[in-house]
């Protein structure tokens, strides 16, 4: 029985260490959010360039014109 108690205690200590080490890493969330924001802005810029290009812009205008001219 003593070995079981020792094993359980060792497991709880290991979990406690993991929790404490995770708290030390709390600052990483800010860096991850910053990288996500940079990636989102880069994607938005690429999307803006594609949508405002001549061919895509013309096609979007045609789609809107057809939708507005549709018979109901």
N, C-alpha and C. Protein backbone atom coordinates (compact mmCIF):
# COMPACT_ATOMS: atom_id res chain seq x y z
N UNK A 1 0.82 -1.19 0.00
CA UNK A 1 0.00 0.00 0.00
C UNK A 1 0.87 1.25 0.00
N UNK A 2 1.98 1.23 0.67
CA UNK A 2 2.87 2.37 0.76
C UNK A 2 3.42 2.75 -0.62
N UNK A 3 3.67 1.74 -1.47
CA UNK A 3 4.17 2.00 -2.81
C UNK A 3 3.12 2.73 -3.65
N UNK A 4 1.86 2.38 -3.46
CA UNK A 4 0.77 3.03 -4.19
C UNK A 4 0.67 4.50 -3.80
N UNK A 5 0.76 4.77 -2.52
CA UNK A 5 0.70 6.15 -2.04
C UNK A 5 1.87 6.95 -2.58
N UNK A 6 3.04 6.35 -2.59
CA UNK A 6 4.23 7.02 -3.10
C UNK A 6 4.08 7.31 -4.60
N UNK A 7 3.54 6.37 -5.34
CA UNK A 7 3.35 6.56 -6.78
C UNK A 7 2.33 7.66 -7.07
N UNK A 8 1.24 7.68 -6.30
CA UNK A 8 0.22 8.71 -6.48
C UNK A 8 0.81 10.08 -6.14
N UNK A 9 1.55 10.14 -5.04
CA UNK A 9 2.17 11.40 -4.64
C UNK A 9 3.14 11.89 -5.72
N UNK A 10 3.93 10.98 -6.28
CA UNK A 10 4.87 11.36 -7.34
C UNK A 10 4.12 11.88 -8.57
N UNK A 11 2.99 11.26 -8.88
CA UNK A 11 2.18 11.71 -10.01
C UNK A 11 1.62 13.10 -9.78
N UNK A 12 1.15 13.36 -8.57
CA UNK A 12 0.62 14.68 -8.24
C UNK A 12 1.71 15.75 -8.28
N UNK A 13 2.89 15.40 -7.82
CA UNK A 13 4.01 16.34 -7.87
C UNK A 13 4.36 16.67 -9.32
N UNK A 14 4.35 15.65 -10.18
CA UNK A 14 4.65 15.87 -11.59
C UNK A 14 3.61 16.77 -12.24
N UNK A 15 2.34 16.57 -11.92
CA UNK A 15 1.28 17.43 -12.46
C UNK A 15 1.46 18.85 -11.97
N UNK A 16 1.79 19.02 -10.70
CA UNK A 16 2.03 20.35 -10.15
C UNK A 16 3.17 21.06 -10.85
N UNK A 17 4.22 20.33 -11.15
CA UNK A 17 5.36 20.93 -11.87
C UNK A 17 4.95 21.37 -13.27
N UNK A 18 4.13 20.55 -13.93
CA UNK A 18 3.68 20.92 -15.28
C UNK A 18 2.83 22.18 -15.25
N UNK A 19 1.97 22.28 -14.25
CA UNK A 19 1.11 23.46 -14.13
C UNK A 19 1.96 24.70 -13.89
N UNK A 20 2.93 24.59 -12.99
CA UNK A 20 3.80 25.73 -12.71
C UNK A 20 4.61 26.12 -13.92
N UNK A 21 5.12 25.15 -14.68
CA UNK A 21 5.91 25.48 -15.87
C UNK A 21 5.03 26.09 -16.95
N UNK A 22 3.77 25.69 -17.01
CA UNK A 22 2.85 26.29 -17.98
C UNK A 22 2.59 27.75 -17.64
N UNK A 23 2.52 28.07 -16.37
CA UNK A 23 2.32 29.46 -15.97
C UNK A 23 3.50 30.32 -16.37
N UNK A 24 4.70 29.78 -16.33
CA UNK A 24 5.89 30.54 -16.73
C UNK A 24 5.84 30.87 -18.21
N UNK A 25 5.11 30.09 -18.99
CA UNK A 25 5.04 30.27 -20.44
C UNK A 25 3.88 31.17 -20.84
N UNK A 26 3.24 31.81 -19.88
CA UNK A 26 2.04 32.59 -20.18
C UNK A 26 2.31 33.72 -21.16
N UNK A 27 3.51 34.27 -21.19
CA UNK A 27 3.85 35.35 -22.11
C UNK A 27 3.86 34.94 -23.57
N UNK A 28 3.95 33.67 -23.82
CA UNK A 28 3.97 33.19 -25.20
C UNK A 28 2.65 33.44 -25.91
N UNK A 29 1.58 33.51 -25.18
CA UNK A 29 0.29 33.74 -25.82
C UNK A 29 0.28 35.08 -26.54
N UNK A 30 0.90 36.09 -25.96
CA UNK A 30 0.96 37.41 -26.60
C UNK A 30 1.73 37.34 -27.91
N UNK A 31 2.84 36.63 -27.91
CA UNK A 31 3.63 36.49 -29.14
C UNK A 31 2.85 35.71 -30.20
N UNK A 32 2.12 34.70 -29.77
CA UNK A 32 1.33 33.93 -30.72
C UNK A 32 0.21 34.77 -31.32
N UNK A 33 -0.44 35.59 -30.48
CA UNK A 33 -1.47 36.48 -31.00
C UNK A 33 -0.87 37.48 -31.98
N UNK A 34 0.31 37.99 -31.68
CA UNK A 34 0.96 38.95 -32.57
C UNK A 34 1.27 38.31 -33.92
N UNK A 35 1.76 37.07 -33.90
CA UNK A 35 2.06 36.39 -35.17
C UNK A 35 0.77 36.11 -35.94
N UNK A 36 -0.28 35.76 -35.24
CA UNK A 36 -1.58 35.55 -35.90
C UNK A 36 -2.09 36.83 -36.52
N UNK A 37 -1.90 37.94 -35.83
CA UNK A 37 -2.33 39.23 -36.35
C UNK A 37 -1.53 39.61 -37.59
N UNK A 38 -0.23 39.38 -37.57
CA UNK A 38 0.61 39.67 -38.73
C UNK A 38 0.18 38.81 -39.92
N UNK A 39 -0.10 37.55 -39.68
CA UNK A 39 -0.55 36.66 -40.76
C UNK A 39 -1.90 37.11 -41.31
N UNK A 40 -2.81 37.53 -40.44
CA UNK A 40 -4.13 37.99 -40.89
C UNK A 40 -4.01 39.26 -41.72
N UNK A 41 -3.15 40.17 -41.32
CA UNK A 41 -2.95 41.41 -42.08
C UNK A 41 -2.33 41.10 -43.43
N UNK A 42 -1.36 40.21 -43.47
CA UNK A 42 -0.74 39.82 -44.74
C UNK A 42 -1.78 39.20 -45.67
N UNK A 43 -2.64 38.33 -45.14
CA UNK A 43 -3.69 37.72 -45.94
C UNK A 43 -4.65 38.78 -46.45
N UNK A 44 -4.99 39.76 -45.60
CA UNK A 44 -5.91 40.83 -46.01
C UNK A 44 -5.31 41.66 -47.13
N UNK A 45 -4.02 41.93 -47.06
CA UNK A 45 -3.36 42.71 -48.11
C UNK A 45 -3.39 41.95 -49.43
N UNK A 46 -3.08 40.66 -49.39
CA UNK A 46 -3.10 39.85 -50.61
C UNK A 46 -4.52 39.80 -51.17
N UNK A 47 -5.50 39.60 -50.32
CA UNK A 47 -6.89 39.55 -50.77
C UNK A 47 -7.31 40.89 -51.37
N UNK A 48 -6.91 41.99 -50.76
CA UNK A 48 -7.24 43.32 -51.28
C UNK A 48 -6.63 43.51 -52.67
N UNK A 49 -5.37 43.10 -52.82
CA UNK A 49 -4.70 43.25 -54.13
C UNK A 49 -5.41 42.41 -55.20
N UNK A 50 -5.84 41.22 -54.84
CA UNK A 50 -6.53 40.35 -55.81
C UNK A 50 -7.87 40.95 -56.19
N UNK A 51 -8.63 41.40 -55.19
CA UNK A 51 -9.98 41.91 -55.45
C UNK A 51 -9.93 43.22 -56.23
N UNK A 52 -8.92 44.04 -56.00
CA UNK A 52 -8.84 45.33 -56.70
C UNK A 52 -8.09 45.23 -58.03
N UNK A 53 -7.63 44.05 -58.40
CA UNK A 53 -6.98 43.91 -59.70
C UNK A 53 -8.03 44.09 -60.80
N UNK A 54 -7.59 44.45 -61.96
CA UNK A 54 -8.50 44.77 -63.06
C UNK A 54 -9.48 43.67 -63.40
N UNK A 55 -9.00 42.46 -63.61
CA UNK A 55 -9.84 41.34 -64.03
C UNK A 55 -10.87 40.98 -62.96
N UNK A 56 -10.43 40.84 -61.75
CA UNK A 56 -11.34 40.44 -60.68
C UNK A 56 -12.35 41.55 -60.40
N UNK A 57 -11.89 42.78 -60.42
CA UNK A 57 -12.79 43.91 -60.18
C UNK A 57 -13.88 43.97 -61.25
N UNK A 58 -13.50 43.75 -62.49
CA UNK A 58 -14.47 43.75 -63.59
C UNK A 58 -15.48 42.63 -63.43
N UNK A 59 -15.01 41.44 -63.06
CA UNK A 59 -15.93 40.31 -62.87
C UNK A 59 -16.89 40.58 -61.71
N UNK A 60 -16.39 41.15 -60.62
CA UNK A 60 -17.27 41.48 -59.49
C UNK A 60 -18.33 42.50 -59.89
N UNK A 61 -17.93 43.48 -60.69
CA UNK A 61 -18.89 44.47 -61.16
C UNK A 61 -19.95 43.83 -62.05
N UNK A 62 -19.54 42.89 -62.90
CA UNK A 62 -20.50 42.18 -63.75
C UNK A 62 -21.47 41.36 -62.93
N UNK A 63 -20.98 40.72 -61.89
CA UNK A 63 -21.84 39.91 -61.02
C UNK A 63 -22.89 40.81 -60.34
N UNK A 64 -22.44 41.97 -59.84
CA UNK A 64 -23.36 42.89 -59.18
C UNK A 64 -24.39 43.43 -60.16
N UNK A 65 -23.95 43.77 -61.36
CA UNK A 65 -24.87 44.28 -62.40
C UNK A 65 -25.93 43.24 -62.75
N UNK A 66 -25.46 41.98 -62.93
CA UNK A 66 -26.42 40.91 -63.25
C UNK A 66 -27.41 40.70 -62.11
N UNK A 67 -26.94 40.81 -60.89
CA UNK A 67 -27.82 40.61 -59.74
C UNK A 67 -28.85 41.74 -59.65
N UNK A 68 -28.42 42.95 -59.94
CA UNK A 68 -29.34 44.10 -59.87
C UNK A 68 -30.32 44.11 -61.03
N UNK A 69 -29.91 43.57 -62.16
CA UNK A 69 -30.78 43.55 -63.35
C UNK A 69 -31.67 42.31 -63.40
N UNK A 70 -31.56 41.44 -62.42
CA UNK A 70 -32.33 40.18 -62.45
C UNK A 70 -33.81 40.47 -62.30
N UNK A 71 -34.60 39.68 -63.03
CA UNK A 71 -36.06 39.80 -62.96
C UNK A 71 -36.56 39.01 -61.76
N UNK A 72 -37.44 39.61 -61.01
CA UNK A 72 -37.98 38.95 -59.80
C UNK A 72 -39.35 38.40 -60.09
